[in-house]
């Protein structure tokens, strides 16, 4: 044996030579994310309510328009057999409800932002999503939808992936994606063939009711091949920590292993946002992780908590929910 034939000093030197490679190995750099709900629960968002309970909300599935899960510790989650959105508004079809997000308003009511097919048809005659809002006295629901959508942008492909945010001065905002690839020209995500269509992430200021638009929306990010983005950016989640705004988003196609989660930062809520251009989550970060995205982040002390989805297994038929803790340090975010 090699180790039996060398001196102690040589052995120590050999180990020291190995250490940089070992410490830099993919095994030791695995993400701290963990499977939180072994069930189909895409695009998870979450909220912590008075009393300490956590509630998560997921895209249409398991017989529900809006799925609801709960946890006492953010680690162990249970899928509830309740319908978060038992009725639909007059503007929407009873189909394609996804990416719900909930905030707690200052008056104690809960506001849900979600997207669904509008009864009005966009240019491509296919999916035509608008962002809607709904209100509840209970975080579990039922959420009662408002009569009119918040934003549609049907001529640009529709609006999806809303996420609410309250700034430190109390102002409410919602971020969302203009679903430009919906009117793309084919290829990856229907936006891989020139001319590519913009898929901007937008910021809309809201009134004190957290549902009424104030002024015009502001574009805060868009896809850019030079930044390593795929044919789109989507699933925005905005948080602030120590004077820095962090905008988390996904890029590439959700049904491909290249789908990942990235972030950009700004010193002002309206930007400009600077992309980090690194994958904070990607396939293979832990042995089971496939195409991680649709992330929601909330600050917690010096860092934050995150829920996101990844395909449950290599069949890529259902998306399970994962959780993670995240460090927010200066302009750098990382999975703990």
Protein backbone atom coordinates (compact mmCIF):
# COMPACT_ATOMS: atom_id res chain seq x y z
CA UNK A 1 0.00 0.00 0.00
CA UNK A 2 1.20 3.52 -0.86
CA UNK A 3 0.49 5.02 2.59
CA UNK A 4 2.53 2.27 4.31
CA UNK A 5 5.63 3.07 2.28
CA UNK A 6 6.02 6.82 2.85
CA UNK A 7 7.25 8.92 5.75
CA UNK A 8 4.77 10.87 7.93
CA UNK A 9 6.02 14.16 6.47
CA UNK A 10 5.45 12.98 2.92
CA UNK A 11 1.98 11.74 3.86
CA UNK A 12 1.02 15.15 5.32
CA UNK A 13 2.35 16.94 2.24
CA UNK A 14 0.32 14.63 0.00
CA UNK A 15 -2.88 15.35 1.95
CA UNK A 16 -2.28 19.10 1.76
CA UNK A 17 -1.93 18.86 -1.99
CA UNK A 18 -5.27 17.05 -2.19
CA UNK A 19 -7.19 19.48 0.02
CA UNK A 20 -7.90 22.24 -2.55
CA UNK A 21 -9.35 19.71 -4.95
CA UNK A 22 -11.38 18.00 -2.26
CA UNK A 23 -12.73 21.25 -0.85
CA UNK A 24 -13.67 22.38 -4.33
CA UNK A 25 -15.41 19.17 -5.29
CA UNK A 26 -19.07 19.25 -6.40
CA UNK A 27 -19.99 16.89 -3.55
CA UNK A 28 -18.96 19.40 -0.89
CA UNK A 29 -20.61 22.29 -2.73
CA UNK A 30 -24.04 20.73 -2.80
CA UNK A 31 -26.91 23.05 -2.13
CA UNK A 32 -28.47 23.06 1.32
CA UNK A 33 -31.92 22.70 -0.23
CA UNK A 34 -34.13 19.86 0.96
CA UNK A 35 -37.29 18.18 -0.25
CA UNK A 36 -40.18 19.77 1.65
CA UNK A 37 -43.30 18.29 0.02
CA UNK A 38 -43.18 15.06 -1.97
CA UNK A 39 -46.21 15.97 -4.05
CA UNK A 40 -47.03 17.93 -7.19
CA UNK A 41 -46.84 21.53 -5.91
CA UNK A 42 -45.32 23.86 -8.55
CA UNK A 43 -44.49 27.57 -8.20
CA UNK A 44 -44.68 27.64 -4.40
CA UNK A 45 -45.02 30.87 -2.46
CA UNK A 46 -45.33 31.16 1.29
CA UNK A 47 -46.20 33.36 4.24
CA UNK A 48 -45.55 33.28 7.99
CA UNK A 49 -48.64 34.34 9.97
CA UNK A 50 -49.16 35.59 13.55
CA UNK A 51 -48.85 32.60 15.85
CA UNK A 52 -45.93 31.17 13.90
CA UNK A 53 -47.54 28.90 11.32
CA UNK A 54 -46.31 28.85 7.74
CA UNK A 55 -48.60 28.49 4.73
CA UNK A 56 -47.53 27.70 1.18
CA UNK A 57 -49.55 28.15 -2.01
CA UNK A 58 -49.05 26.23 -5.23
CA UNK A 59 -50.14 26.09 -8.84
CA UNK A 60 -53.28 24.26 -9.90
CA UNK A 61 -53.08 20.53 -9.18
CA UNK A 62 -54.39 17.66 -7.08
CA UNK A 63 -57.92 18.73 -7.97
CA UNK A 64 -57.50 22.31 -6.70
CA UNK A 65 -57.20 25.65 -8.50
CA UNK A 66 -54.90 26.90 -5.75
CA UNK A 67 -53.19 24.37 -3.51
CA UNK A 68 -52.46 25.13 0.15
CA UNK A 69 -49.92 23.48 2.47
CA UNK A 70 -49.00 24.25 6.07
CA UNK A 71 -46.03 23.85 8.40
CA UNK A 72 -45.13 24.58 12.02
CA UNK A 73 -41.39 24.75 11.40
CA UNK A 74 -40.83 25.48 7.66
CA UNK A 75 -39.22 22.03 7.37
CA UNK A 76 -42.09 19.54 7.52
CA UNK A 77 -45.04 20.42 5.31
CA UNK A 78 -48.51 18.90 4.91
CA UNK A 79 -50.75 19.33 1.88
CA UNK A 80 -54.22 20.48 3.00
CA UNK A 81 -57.39 19.13 1.42
CA UNK A 82 -58.86 22.58 0.86
CA UNK A 83 -59.48 24.78 -2.16
CA UNK A 84 -57.74 28.14 -1.83
CA UNK A 85 -59.78 29.75 -4.61
CA UNK A 86 -63.25 28.14 -4.61
CA UNK A 87 -64.78 30.66 -7.04
CA UNK A 88 -63.50 32.42 -10.13
CA UNK A 89 -64.05 36.03 -11.20
CA UNK A 90 -66.18 37.06 -14.17
CA UNK A 91 -63.07 37.99 -16.19
CA UNK A 92 -61.42 34.56 -16.04
CA UNK A 93 -61.91 31.09 -17.41
CA UNK A 94 -61.96 28.18 -14.99
CA UNK A 95 -58.59 26.98 -16.25
CA UNK A 96 -54.84 27.45 -15.95
CA UNK A 97 -54.56 28.92 -12.45
CA UNK A 98 -50.94 29.07 -11.43
CA UNK A 99 -48.20 30.90 -9.52
CA UNK A 100 -50.31 32.19 -6.59
CA UNK A 101 -48.62 34.49 -4.08
CA UNK A 102 -50.00 35.82 -0.77
CA UNK A 103 -49.14 38.79 1.43
CA UNK A 104 -50.66 39.94 4.71
CA UNK A 105 -52.06 43.47 4.50
CA UNK A 106 -51.69 45.89 7.38
CA UNK A 107 -55.39 45.55 8.25
CA UNK A 108 -54.86 41.80 8.82
CA UNK A 109 -56.50 40.65 5.59
CA UNK A 110 -54.64 38.40 3.15
CA UNK A 111 -54.19 39.31 -0.51
CA UNK A 112 -53.58 36.65 -3.14
CA UNK A 113 -52.07 37.44 -6.53
CA UNK A 114 -52.52 34.72 -9.14
CA UNK A 115 -52.79 34.23 -12.88
CA UNK A 116 -55.47 32.57 -14.96
CA UNK A 117 -56.76 32.49 -18.50
CA UNK A 118 -58.72 35.58 -19.42
CA UNK A 119 -61.98 35.26 -21.33
CA UNK A 120 -60.52 37.86 -23.67
CA UNK A 121 -58.29 36.25 -26.28
CA UNK A 122 -54.79 37.42 -27.17
CA UNK A 123 -53.16 37.53 -30.62
CA UNK A 124 -52.22 33.82 -30.74
CA UNK A 125 -55.68 32.54 -29.72
CA UNK A 126 -54.02 30.19 -27.19
CA UNK A 127 -53.15 30.87 -23.54
CA UNK A 128 -54.09 34.43 -22.59
CA UNK A 129 -53.19 35.01 -18.98
CA UNK A 130 -53.97 37.94 -16.75
CA UNK A 131 -52.96 38.59 -13.14
CA UNK A 132 -55.86 38.62 -10.73
CA UNK A 133 -56.26 39.41 -7.04
CA UNK A 134 -58.34 37.85 -4.27
CA UNK A 135 -58.92 38.63 -0.59
CA UNK A 136 -59.40 36.48 2.52
CA UNK A 137 -59.64 36.91 6.29
CA UNK A 138 -57.86 33.57 6.76
CA UNK A 139 -54.48 32.70 5.21
CA UNK A 140 -55.84 29.28 4.21
CA UNK A 141 -58.74 30.89 2.37
CA UNK A 142 -61.24 30.88 0.93
CA UNK A 143 -59.93 33.73 -1.23
CA UNK A 144 -62.64 35.78 -2.93
CA UNK A 145 -61.51 37.15 -6.32
CA UNK A 146 -61.92 40.78 -7.26
CA UNK A 147 -64.09 41.65 -10.25
CA UNK A 148 -61.33 42.96 -12.51
CA UNK A 149 -57.81 41.68 -13.26
CA UNK A 150 -54.82 43.64 -12.05
CA UNK A 151 -52.89 43.43 -15.33
CA UNK A 152 -53.28 41.58 -18.64
CA UNK A 153 -50.93 42.81 -21.42
CA UNK A 154 -52.59 40.36 -23.82
CA UNK A 155 -51.14 42.14 -26.86
CA UNK A 156 -47.66 41.38 -25.48
CA UNK A 157 -48.39 37.73 -24.60
CA UNK A 158 -50.20 38.10 -21.29
CA UNK A 159 -49.08 38.54 -17.69
CA UNK A 160 -48.05 35.74 -15.31
CA UNK A 161 -46.01 34.92 -12.19
CA UNK A 162 -47.14 37.72 -9.83
CA UNK A 163 -45.43 38.25 -6.48
CA UNK A 164 -46.42 40.80 -3.84
CA UNK A 165 -43.95 42.95 -1.91
CA UNK A 166 -44.24 45.60 0.82
CA UNK A 167 -41.35 48.02 1.03
CA UNK A 168 -39.93 49.36 4.30
CA UNK A 169 -41.98 52.57 3.92
CA UNK A 170 -45.18 50.49 3.79
CA UNK A 171 -45.79 50.84 0.04
CA UNK A 172 -47.15 47.76 -1.72
CA UNK A 173 -45.88 46.51 -5.06
CA UNK A 174 -46.36 43.50 -7.27
CA UNK A 175 -43.81 42.07 -9.68
CA UNK A 176 -44.82 39.95 -12.66
CA UNK A 177 -43.65 38.67 -16.03
CA UNK A 178 -44.93 39.85 -19.40
CA UNK A 179 -45.31 36.46 -21.07
CA UNK A 180 -43.74 37.43 -24.39
CA UNK A 181 -42.70 33.91 -25.32
CA UNK A 182 -46.42 33.14 -25.57
CA UNK A 183 -46.35 35.05 -28.87
CA UNK A 184 -42.87 33.89 -29.88
CA UNK A 185 -41.84 32.22 -33.12
CA UNK A 186 -41.08 28.68 -32.01
CA UNK A 187 -38.06 26.85 -30.64
CA UNK A 188 -37.14 26.64 -26.95
CA UNK A 189 -39.99 27.95 -24.78
CA UNK A 190 -41.58 29.17 -28.04
CA UNK A 191 -38.94 31.94 -28.07
CA UNK A 192 -35.85 30.33 -29.57
CA UNK A 193 -36.38 31.50 -33.14
CA UNK A 194 -35.54 35.04 -34.27
CA UNK A 195 -36.85 37.61 -33.84
CA UNK A 196 -36.91 36.86 -30.10
CA UNK A 197 -39.71 38.48 -28.12
CA UNK A 198 -39.09 40.39 -24.87
CA UNK A 199 -40.15 38.67 -21.63
CA UNK A 200 -39.65 41.56 -19.18
CA UNK A 201 -40.14 41.46 -15.44
CA UNK A 202 -42.28 44.38 -14.33
CA UNK A 203 -42.83 46.29 -11.08
CA UNK A 204 -46.25 47.80 -10.39
CA UNK A 205 -46.83 50.14 -7.47
CA UNK A 206 -50.11 49.56 -5.62
CA UNK A 207 -52.41 51.56 -3.37
CA UNK A 208 -53.00 50.97 0.32
CA UNK A 209 -55.46 48.19 -0.53
CA UNK A 210 -52.57 46.29 -2.20
CA UNK A 211 -54.71 45.66 -5.28
CA UNK A 212 -55.21 49.02 -7.03
CA UNK A 213 -52.47 50.06 -9.51
CA UNK A 214 -50.79 53.41 -8.91
CA UNK A 215 -49.13 54.86 -12.01
CA UNK A 216 -47.60 52.80 -14.79
CA UNK A 217 -45.53 49.64 -14.32
CA UNK A 218 -41.73 49.85 -14.57
CA UNK A 219 -39.57 47.29 -16.36
CA UNK A 220 -36.86 46.05 -13.99
CA UNK A 221 -35.30 43.13 -15.89
CA UNK A 222 -35.36 41.21 -19.18
CA UNK A 223 -33.61 38.26 -20.78
CA UNK A 224 -30.18 38.73 -22.34
CA UNK A 225 -28.24 35.94 -24.02
CA UNK A 226 -24.97 37.66 -23.12
CA UNK A 227 -25.88 37.22 -19.43
CA UNK A 228 -26.32 33.46 -19.83
CA UNK A 229 -30.12 33.71 -19.89
CA UNK A 230 -32.22 31.32 -21.88
CA UNK A 231 -35.13 32.42 -24.10
CA UNK A 232 -36.95 33.99 -21.16
CA UNK A 233 -36.79 35.24 -17.60
CA UNK A 234 -39.73 34.59 -15.25
CA UNK A 235 -40.92 33.89 -11.70
CA UNK A 236 -39.74 37.13 -10.04
CA UNK A 237 -39.47 37.33 -6.26
CA UNK A 238 -38.39 40.63 -4.69
CA UNK A 239 -36.96 41.11 -1.18
CA UNK A 240 -34.89 43.77 0.53
CA UNK A 241 -32.16 43.41 3.13
CA UNK A 242 -29.80 46.02 4.60
CA UNK A 243 -30.56 48.57 1.90
CA UNK A 244 -30.21 46.17 -1.04
CA UNK A 245 -33.07 44.90 -3.20
CA UNK A 246 -32.69 41.32 -4.37
CA UNK A 247 -34.70 40.21 -7.40
CA UNK A 248 -34.73 36.42 -7.75
CA UNK A 249 -35.86 34.95 -11.07
CA UNK A 250 -35.73 31.83 -13.22
CA UNK A 251 -34.40 31.43 -16.74
CA UNK A 252 -34.33 28.80 -19.52
CA UNK A 253 -37.33 26.44 -20.01
CA UNK A 254 -39.12 24.99 -16.99
CA UNK A 255 -39.36 21.56 -18.65
CA UNK A 256 -35.62 21.28 -19.31
CA UNK A 257 -32.73 20.48 -16.97
CA UNK A 258 -31.15 23.86 -17.80
CA UNK A 259 -33.92 25.70 -15.91
CA UNK A 260 -32.30 27.50 -12.99
CA UNK A 261 -32.65 30.30 -10.45
CA UNK A 262 -30.56 33.49 -10.45
CA UNK A 263 -30.76 36.96 -8.93
CA UNK A 264 -30.04 40.62 -9.56
CA UNK A 265 -29.54 43.48 -7.10
CA UNK A 266 -30.26 47.20 -6.90
CA UNK A 267 -30.03 50.04 -4.39
CA UNK A 268 -33.43 51.39 -5.48
CA UNK A 269 -36.63 49.40 -5.84
CA UNK A 270 -37.08 50.58 -9.42
CA UNK A 271 -33.50 49.71 -10.34
CA UNK A 272 -31.35 49.57 -12.27
CA UNK A 273 -30.88 45.89 -11.33
CA UNK A 274 -27.49 44.28 -11.90
CA UNK A 275 -27.51 40.57 -12.66
CA UNK A 276 -25.14 38.34 -10.75
CA UNK A 277 -25.18 35.97 -13.77
CA UNK A 278 -24.62 32.93 -11.56
CA UNK A 279 -26.94 30.04 -10.84
CA UNK A 280 -27.94 30.16 -7.19
CA UNK A 281 -29.90 26.95 -7.88
CA UNK A 282 -29.34 24.49 -10.71
CA UNK A 283 -29.88 20.84 -11.59
CA UNK A 284 -27.57 18.55 -9.63
CA UNK A 285 -27.02 20.87 -6.66
CA UNK A 286 -28.21 17.92 -4.63
CA UNK A 287 -28.68 14.37 -5.93
CA UNK A 288 -32.43 14.74 -6.51
CA UNK A 289 -32.62 18.32 -7.80
CA UNK A 290 -33.86 18.69 -11.39
CA UNK A 291 -34.64 22.09 -12.97
CA UNK A 292 -35.08 24.17 -9.77
CA UNK A 293 -37.11 27.33 -10.22
CA UNK A 294 -40.29 29.23 -9.41
CA UNK A 295 -38.61 30.37 -6.20
CA UNK A 296 -40.12 32.62 -3.55
CA UNK A 297 -37.88 34.29 -0.97
CA UNK A 298 -38.69 36.14 2.25
CA UNK A 299 -36.07 37.83 4.46
CA UNK A 300 -35.45 36.44 7.93
CA UNK A 301 -32.84 38.10 10.12
CA UNK A 302 -29.51 38.34 8.25
CA UNK A 303 -30.73 36.02 5.54
CA UNK A 304 -33.93 34.57 4.25
CA UNK A 305 -36.03 31.50 3.57
CA UNK A 306 -36.85 30.09 0.18
CA UNK A 307 -39.36 27.69 -1.32
CA UNK A 308 -39.03 26.52 -4.91
CA UNK A 309 -39.97 23.60 -7.11
CA UNK A 310 -37.97 20.93 -8.90
CA UNK A 311 -39.09 17.87 -10.84
CA UNK A 312 -39.92 15.05 -8.44
CA UNK A 313 -37.95 12.49 -10.47
CA UNK A 314 -36.34 11.92 -13.84
CA UNK A 315 -39.73 11.31 -15.50
CA UNK A 316 -40.30 15.08 -15.16
CA UNK A 317 -44.04 14.64 -14.76
CA UNK A 318 -44.59 16.35 -11.39
CA UNK A 319 -42.83 19.19 -9.59
CA UNK A 320 -42.16 18.79 -5.86
CA UNK A 321 -41.56 21.57 -3.34
CA UNK A 322 -38.11 22.20 -1.83
CA UNK A 323 -37.00 24.54 0.95
CA UNK A 324 -33.73 26.28 1.70
CA UNK A 325 -32.19 28.95 3.88
CA UNK A 326 -30.41 31.76 2.13
CA UNK A 327 -27.72 34.26 3.07
CA UNK A 328 -28.14 37.89 1.97
CA UNK A 329 -24.83 39.68 2.43
CA UNK A 330 -24.19 43.03 0.76
CA UNK A 331 -24.99 42.32 -2.87
CA UNK A 332 -24.40 38.57 -2.64
CA UNK A 333 -27.01 35.88 -2.09
CA UNK A 334 -26.16 32.23 -1.48
CA UNK A 335 -27.82 29.03 -0.29
CA UNK A 336 -26.77 28.18 3.27
